[in-house]
Structures are given as structure tokens and as C-alpha cells.
């Protein structure tokens, strides 16, 4: 089996995938990788993140979290 690596513009991706999917499945294996996944792999996963720089204000207005959760469920 041979390996081919392609760099495809987003606008052409659907066209290329439709051609590849038209080939017999037993003759072809498709492995997709995007630029984001490559960048994520280069991050040091053992490095500690300093969370003190972040401020989350999303739920500060909720005085009783249990009552708020029940209210959300009642709306469903």
C-alpha cells in the first residue's frame, strides 16, 4: 500500500472527499488530520496552567445552585 499526503484548502475538501469515498473501501484508508491537531500535539501536557489569571463570572448571580438547577430542569 502507498501513502499520499495532501494539503487541501477547505473550499476543495468536500470535492476531494467525494472522489475518495467513491473508491472501494477495501482499497483505501482515509486518515484525516487538521492543522489544529498538529498544534495541539506540540503543547507540553505536563506543564501546569496558572488559573489565577482567569476570572469566571458566569454563575456569580446564582445564590442557591441547587434551586437554580431544579429551575433549569423544570424548564425542560
C-alpha atoms as a PDB file:
ATOM      1  CA  UNK A   1       0.000   0.000   0.000  1.00  0.00           C
ATOM      2  CA  UNK A   2       1.233   3.507  -0.838  1.00  0.00           C
ATOM      3  CA  UNK A   3       0.866   6.665   1.286  1.00  0.00           C
ATOM      4  CA  UNK A   4      -0.037  10.078  -0.139  1.00  0.00           C
ATOM      5  CA  UNK A   5      -0.116  13.262   1.937  1.00  0.00           C
ATOM      6  CA  UNK A   6      -2.243  16.148   0.652  1.00  0.00           C
ATOM      7  CA  UNK A   7      -2.687  19.699   1.855  1.00  0.00           C
ATOM      8  CA  UNK A   8      -6.197  20.691   0.788  1.00  0.00           C
ATOM      9  CA  UNK A   9      -7.920  24.060   1.011  1.00  0.00           C
ATOM     10  CA  UNK A  10     -11.176  23.991   2.999  1.00  0.00           C
ATOM     11  CA  UNK A  11     -13.119  25.031  -0.101  1.00  0.00           C
ATOM     12  CA  UNK A  12     -11.974  21.925  -2.018  1.00  0.00           C
ATOM     13  CA  UNK A  13     -12.235  19.402   0.815  1.00  0.00           C
ATOM     14  CA  UNK A  14     -15.800  18.267   0.019  1.00  0.00           C
ATOM     15  CA  UNK A  15     -14.892  17.615  -3.610  1.00  0.00           C
ATOM     16  CA  UNK A  16     -11.800  15.589  -2.734  1.00  0.00           C
ATOM     17  CA  UNK A  17     -13.652  13.576  -0.096  1.00  0.00           C
ATOM     18  CA  UNK A  18     -16.477  12.741  -2.504  1.00  0.00           C
ATOM     19  CA  UNK A  19     -13.932  11.385  -5.016  1.00  0.00           C
ATOM     20  CA  UNK A  20     -12.137   9.345  -2.339  1.00  0.00           C
ATOM     21  CA  UNK A  21     -15.371   7.945  -0.914  1.00  0.00           C
ATOM     22  CA  UNK A  22     -16.281   6.769  -4.398  1.00  0.00           C
ATOM     23  CA  UNK A  23     -13.340   4.349  -4.390  1.00  0.00           C
ATOM     24  CA  UNK A  24     -13.708   0.810  -2.984  1.00  0.00           C
ATOM     25  CA  UNK A  25     -13.311   0.786   0.810  1.00  0.00           C
ATOM     26  CA  UNK A  26     -11.038  -2.244   0.769  1.00  0.00           C
ATOM     27  CA  UNK A  27      -8.536  -0.395  -1.435  1.00  0.00           C
ATOM     28  CA  UNK A  28      -8.334   2.832   0.548  1.00  0.00           C
ATOM     29  CA  UNK A  29      -7.898   4.029   4.133  1.00  0.00           C
ATOM     30  CA  UNK A  30      -8.537   7.693   4.918  1.00  0.00           C
ATOM     31  CA  UNK A  31      -6.748   9.305   7.865  1.00  0.00           C
ATOM     32  CA  UNK A  32      -7.621  12.957   8.336  1.00  0.00           C
ATOM     33  CA  UNK A  33      -5.506  15.441  10.265  1.00  0.00           C
ATOM     34  CA  UNK A  34      -6.054  19.175  10.531  1.00  0.00           C
ATOM     35  CA  UNK A  35      -3.616  21.956  11.438  1.00  0.00           C
ATOM     36  CA  UNK A  36      -5.263  22.388  14.839  1.00  0.00           C
ATOM     37  CA  UNK A  37      -4.465  18.833  15.910  1.00  0.00           C
ATOM     38  CA  UNK A  38      -0.811  19.287  14.959  1.00  0.00           C
ATOM     39  CA  UNK A  39      -0.555  22.443  17.067  1.00  0.00           C
ATOM     40  CA  UNK A  40      -2.270  20.745  19.999  1.00  0.00           C
ATOM     41  CA  UNK A  41       0.273  17.915  19.920  1.00  0.00           C
ATOM     42  CA  UNK A  42       3.145  20.340  20.378  1.00  0.00           C
ATOM     43  CA  UNK A  43       1.788  21.612  23.710  1.00  0.00           C
ATOM     44  CA  UNK A  44       3.613  20.319  26.778  1.00  0.00           C
ATOM     45  CA  UNK A  45       0.881  18.330  28.503  1.00  0.00           C
ATOM     46  CA  UNK A  46       2.829  18.126  31.761  1.00  0.00           C
ATOM     47  CA  UNK A  47       3.138  21.890  32.097  1.00  0.00           C
ATOM     48  CA  UNK A  48       0.981  23.355  34.849  1.00  0.00           C
ATOM     49  CA  UNK A  49      -1.516  26.032  33.909  1.00  0.00           C
ATOM     50  CA  UNK A  50      -1.778  29.086  36.136  1.00  0.00           C
ATOM     51  CA  UNK A  51      -5.530  29.516  36.587  1.00  0.00           C
ATOM     52  CA  UNK A  52      -5.165  32.561  38.825  1.00  0.00           C
ATOM     53  CA  UNK A  53      -5.063  34.713  35.669  1.00  0.00           C
ATOM     54  CA  UNK A  54      -8.630  33.733  34.767  1.00  0.00           C
ATOM     55  CA  UNK A  55     -11.767  35.234  36.222  1.00  0.00           C
ATOM     56  CA  UNK A  56     -15.078  33.467  35.649  1.00  0.00           C
ATOM     57  CA  UNK A  57     -18.183  35.483  36.396  1.00  0.00           C
ATOM     58  CA  UNK A  58     -20.743  33.246  34.720  1.00  0.00           C
ATOM     59  CA  UNK A  59     -22.554  31.928  37.806  1.00  0.00           C
ATOM     60  CA  UNK A  60     -21.887  34.599  40.436  1.00  0.00           C
ATOM     61  CA  UNK A  61     -25.503  35.789  40.378  1.00  0.00           C
ATOM     62  CA  UNK A  62     -26.754  32.324  41.445  1.00  0.00           C
ATOM     63  CA  UNK A  63     -27.287  32.352  45.201  1.00  0.00           C
ATOM     64  CA  UNK A  64     -28.666  28.795  45.565  1.00  0.00           C
ATOM     65  CA  UNK A  65     -27.139  26.454  42.959  1.00  0.00           C
ATOM     66  CA  UNK A  66     -29.462  23.533  43.808  1.00  0.00           C
ATOM     67  CA  UNK A  67     -32.601  25.668  43.409  1.00  0.00           C
ATOM     68  CA  UNK A  68     -31.216  27.092  40.167  1.00  0.00           C
ATOM     69  CA  UNK A  69     -30.539  23.602  38.814  1.00  0.00           C
ATOM     70  CA  UNK A  70     -34.070  22.460  39.701  1.00  0.00           C
ATOM     71  CA  UNK A  71     -35.494  25.530  37.963  1.00  0.00           C
ATOM     72  CA  UNK A  72     -33.463  24.702  34.817  1.00  0.00           C
ATOM     73  CA  UNK A  73     -34.747  21.131  34.841  1.00  0.00           C
ATOM     74  CA  UNK A  74     -38.341  22.301  35.270  1.00  0.00           C
ATOM     75  CA  UNK A  75     -37.995  24.376  32.092  1.00  0.00           C
ATOM     76  CA  UNK A  76     -37.275  21.201  30.078  1.00  0.00           C
END
